[in-house]
Amino acid sequence: MGQGGLDRHQLAGLDHRERGFSRPVEFERAGEHYRAILRYETTRVCTEPYPTQDVALLTLIQTLHAQGYRQLRTQVSFRNGIYLGSQEMWIEYPDPPQLKAERSGFMARLLSWFRPRTAHG
């Protein structure tokens, strides 16, 4: 993007189809604010402008959770334009409670198809 001094994070997790992925999250300036941008396969997720890069990143995580992504975690790879490699710790973002409940509900229904049926039911 050619905008020095911006952060870059590595984002990893499971996509909405349960496939593992790891992609960079970049930031771009929008006046005095920042947008977080994730490019993944044919998808581009871009947040609205926010006052800080951290708020934009958190909004991106929440957007991905709403789209069915889970087990998300990030690691800073550039801070203020300085390369950090993999020195920083990973930050994990717990899946929203409703996402866990929806998945367990679906799995419960799916597994019920394979349970043996009794003569009474």
C-alpha atoms as a PDB file:
ATOM      1  CA  MET A   1       0.000   0.000   0.000  1.00  0.00           C
ATOM      2  CA  GLY A   2       3.023   2.243   0.283  1.00  0.00           C
ATOM      3  CA  GLN A   3       1.870   3.872   3.532  1.00  0.00           C
ATOM      4  CA  GLY A   4       4.843   3.722   5.901  1.00  0.00           C
ATOM      5  CA  GLY A   5       4.337   3.481   9.623  1.00  0.00           C
ATOM      6  CA  LEU A   6       1.230   1.327   9.503  1.00  0.00           C
ATOM      7  CA  ASP A   7       0.859  -1.986  11.301  1.00  0.00           C
ATOM      8  CA  ARG A   8       0.388  -5.354   9.690  1.00  0.00           C
ATOM      9  CA  HIS A   9      -0.994  -8.426  11.438  1.00  0.00           C
ATOM     10  CA  GLN A  10      -1.091 -12.077  10.492  1.00  0.00           C
ATOM     11  CA  LEU A  11      -4.632 -13.443  10.937  1.00  0.00           C
ATOM     12  CA  ALA A  12      -5.223 -17.187  11.276  1.00  0.00           C
ATOM     13  CA  GLY A  13      -8.283 -19.306  11.968  1.00  0.00           C
ATOM     14  CA  LEU A  14     -11.028 -21.324  10.332  1.00  0.00           C
ATOM     15  CA  ASP A  15     -13.155 -19.868   7.559  1.00  0.00           C
ATOM     16  CA  HIS A  16     -16.915 -20.319   7.207  1.00  0.00           C
ATOM     17  CA  ARG A  17     -16.293 -23.667   5.445  1.00  0.00           C
ATOM     18  CA  GLU A  18     -14.124 -24.980   8.322  1.00  0.00           C
ATOM     19  CA  ARG A  19     -10.884 -24.582   6.338  1.00  0.00           C
ATOM     20  CA  GLY A  20      -7.770 -23.281   8.044  1.00  0.00           C
ATOM     21  CA  PHE A  21      -6.248 -20.071   6.718  1.00  0.00           C
ATOM     22  CA  SER A  22      -3.533 -17.552   7.499  1.00  0.00           C
ATOM     23  CA  ARG A  23      -3.446 -14.168   5.759  1.00  0.00           C
ATOM     24  CA  PRO A  24      -2.051 -10.688   6.399  1.00  0.00           C
ATOM     25  CA  VAL A  25      -4.319  -7.893   7.599  1.00  0.00           C
ATOM     26  CA  GLU A  26      -3.235  -4.532   6.272  1.00  0.00           C
ATOM     27  CA  PHE A  27      -4.304  -1.039   7.247  1.00  0.00           C
ATOM     28  CA  GLU A  28      -4.853   2.028   5.146  1.00  0.00           C
ATOM     29  CA  ARG A  29      -5.316   5.616   6.179  1.00  0.00           C
ATOM     30  CA  ALA A  30      -8.646   7.332   5.639  1.00  0.00           C
ATOM     31  CA  GLY A  31      -7.913  10.904   6.674  1.00  0.00           C
ATOM     32  CA  GLU A  32      -7.090  10.725  10.383  1.00  0.00           C
ATOM     33  CA  HIS A  33      -8.635   7.251  10.676  1.00  0.00           C
ATOM     34  CA  TYR A  34      -7.735   3.689   9.661  1.00  0.00           C
ATOM     35  CA  ARG A  35      -9.368   0.827   7.807  1.00  0.00           C
ATOM     36  CA  ALA A  36      -8.429  -2.836   8.334  1.00  0.00           C
ATOM     37  CA  ILE A  37      -8.345  -4.919   5.143  1.00  0.00           C
ATOM     38  CA  LEU A  38      -8.280  -8.696   4.724  1.00  0.00           C
ATOM     39  CA  ARG A  39      -7.950 -10.351   1.333  1.00  0.00           C
ATOM     40  CA  TYR A  40      -8.778 -14.048   1.372  1.00  0.00           C
ATOM     41  CA  GLU A  41      -9.313 -15.991  -1.851  1.00  0.00           C
ATOM     42  CA  THR A  42     -11.943 -13.992  -3.762  1.00  0.00           C
ATOM     43  CA  THR A  43     -13.131 -12.174  -0.634  1.00  0.00           C
ATOM     44  CA  ARG A  44     -12.081  -8.707   0.443  1.00  0.00           C
ATOM     45  CA  VAL A  45     -13.271  -7.542   3.864  1.00  0.00           C
ATOM     46  CA  CYS A  46     -12.684  -3.871   4.619  1.00  0.00           C
ATOM     47  CA  THR A  47     -13.853  -2.015   7.720  1.00  0.00           C
ATOM     48  CA  GLU A  48     -15.197   1.487   7.925  1.00  0.00           C
ATOM     49  CA  PRO A  49     -12.646   4.075   9.115  1.00  0.00           C
ATOM     50  CA  TYR A  50     -11.900   3.994  12.871  1.00  0.00           C
ATOM     51  CA  PRO A  51      -9.756   6.247  15.088  1.00  0.00           C
ATOM     52  CA  THR A  52      -7.076   3.570  15.716  1.00  0.00           C
ATOM     53  CA  GLN A  53      -5.698   0.532  13.948  1.00  0.00           C
ATOM     54  CA  ASP A  54      -6.566  -1.607  16.995  1.00  0.00           C
ATOM     55  CA  VAL A  55     -10.259  -0.645  16.844  1.00  0.00           C
ATOM     56  CA  ALA A  56     -10.323  -1.314  13.088  1.00  0.00           C
ATOM     57  CA  LEU A  57      -8.749  -4.746  13.674  1.00  0.00           C
ATOM     58  CA  LEU A  58     -11.249  -5.642  16.396  1.00  0.00           C
ATOM     59  CA  THR A  59     -14.111  -4.592  14.108  1.00  0.00           C
ATOM     60  CA  LEU A  60     -12.684  -6.803  11.348  1.00  0.00           C
ATOM     61  CA  ILE A  61     -12.576  -9.762  13.771  1.00  0.00           C
ATOM     62  CA  GLN A  62     -16.205  -9.135  14.779  1.00  0.00           C
ATOM     63  CA  THR A  63     -17.231  -8.928  11.117  1.00  0.00           C
ATOM     64  CA  LEU A  64     -15.525 -12.249  10.360  1.00  0.00           C
ATOM     65  CA  HIS A  65     -17.139 -13.890  13.404  1.00  0.00           C
ATOM     66  CA  ALA A  66     -20.541 -12.739  12.099  1.00  0.00           C
ATOM     67  CA  GLN A  67     -19.720 -14.400   8.749  1.00  0.00           C
ATOM     68  CA  GLY A  68     -18.978 -17.753  10.422  1.00  0.00           C
ATOM     69  CA  TYR A  69     -15.197 -17.520  10.811  1.00  0.00           C
ATOM     70  CA  ARG A  70     -13.912 -18.907  14.097  1.00  0.00           C
ATOM     71  CA  GLN A  71     -10.854 -19.714  16.194  1.00  0.00           C
ATOM     72  CA  LEU A  72      -9.407 -16.401  15.041  1.00  0.00           C
ATOM     73  CA  ARG A  73      -6.054 -15.140  16.279  1.00  0.00           C
ATOM     74  CA  THR A  74      -3.642 -12.415  15.222  1.00  0.00           C
ATOM     75  CA  GLN A  75       0.053 -11.706  15.522  1.00  0.00           C
ATOM     76  CA  VAL A  76       1.672  -8.332  14.833  1.00  0.00           C
ATOM     77  CA  SER A  77       4.283  -8.683  12.096  1.00  0.00           C
ATOM     78  CA  PHE A  78       4.903  -4.934  11.480  1.00  0.00           C
ATOM     79  CA  ARG A  79       4.482  -2.238  14.169  1.00  0.00           C
ATOM     80  CA  ASN A  80       4.781   1.382  13.014  1.00  0.00           C
ATOM     81  CA  GLY A  81       6.371   0.136   9.799  1.00  0.00           C
ATOM     82  CA  ILE A  82       9.098  -1.886  11.594  1.00  0.00           C
ATOM     83  CA  TYR A  83       9.306  -5.601  10.785  1.00  0.00           C
ATOM     84  CA  LEU A  84       8.918  -7.799  13.868  1.00  0.00           C
ATOM     85  CA  GLY A  85       8.820 -11.225  12.228  1.00  0.00           C
ATOM     86  CA  SER A  86       7.162 -13.675  14.591  1.00  0.00           C
ATOM     87  CA  GLN A  87       8.493 -12.130  17.817  1.00  0.00           C
ATOM     88  CA  GLU A  88       5.101 -11.037  19.106  1.00  0.00           C
ATOM     89  CA  MET A  89       2.653 -13.295  20.914  1.00  0.00           C
ATOM     90  CA  TRP A  90      -0.529 -14.465  19.185  1.00  0.00           C
ATOM     91  CA  ILE A  91      -3.739 -12.858  20.442  1.00  0.00           C
ATOM     92  CA  GLU A  92      -6.766 -15.154  20.410  1.00  0.00           C
ATOM     93  CA  TYR A  93     -10.326 -13.918  19.926  1.00  0.00           C
ATOM     94  CA  PRO A  94     -12.901 -16.232  21.520  1.00  0.00           C
ATOM     95  CA  ASP A  95     -15.764 -17.300  19.299  1.00  0.00           C
ATOM     96  CA  PRO A  96     -19.024 -15.535  20.139  1.00  0.00           C
ATOM     97  CA  PRO A  97     -21.330 -17.636  22.381  1.00  0.00           C
ATOM     98  CA  GLN A  98     -24.132 -17.710  19.797  1.00  0.00           C
ATOM     99  CA  LEU A  99     -21.734 -19.152  17.202  1.00  0.00           C
ATOM    100  CA  LYS A 100     -20.846 -22.028  19.539  1.00  0.00           C
ATOM    101  CA  ALA A 101     -24.534 -22.667  20.301  1.00  0.00           C
ATOM    102  CA  GLU A 102     -25.520 -22.629  16.616  1.00  0.00           C
ATOM    103  CA  ARG A 103     -22.782 -25.079  15.716  1.00  0.00           C
ATOM    104  CA  SER A 104     -23.612 -27.441  18.563  1.00  0.00           C
ATOM    105  CA  GLY A 105     -27.305 -27.268  17.606  1.00  0.00           C
ATOM    106  CA  PHE A 106     -26.527 -28.157  14.021  1.00  0.00           C
ATOM    107  CA  MET A 107     -24.175 -30.938  15.057  1.00  0.00           C
ATOM    108  CA  ALA A 108     -26.765 -32.313  17.458  1.00  0.00           C
ATOM    109  CA  ARG A 109     -29.326 -32.458  14.629  1.00  0.00           C
ATOM    110  CA  LEU A 110     -26.818 -34.033  12.260  1.00  0.00           C
ATOM    111  CA  LEU A 111     -25.791 -36.682  14.774  1.00  0.00           C
ATOM    112  CA  SER A 112     -29.439 -37.444  15.549  1.00  0.00           C
ATOM    113  CA  TRP A 113     -29.833 -38.712  11.974  1.00  0.00           C
ATOM    114  CA  PHE A 114     -27.333 -41.469  12.717  1.00  0.00           C
ATOM    115  CA  ARG A 115     -28.667 -42.597  16.109  1.00  0.00           C
ATOM    116  CA  PRO A 116     -30.428 -45.939  16.145  1.00  0.00           C
ATOM    117  CA  ARG A 117     -34.183 -45.578  16.406  1.00  0.00           C
ATOM    118  CA  THR A 118     -36.191 -47.598  18.851  1.00  0.00           C
ATOM    119  CA  ALA A 119     -39.474 -49.315  18.053  1.00  0.00           C
ATOM    120  CA  HIS A 120     -41.240 -46.556  19.995  1.00  0.00           C
ATOM    121  CA  GLY A 121     -39.664 -43.609  18.263  1.00  0.00           C
END
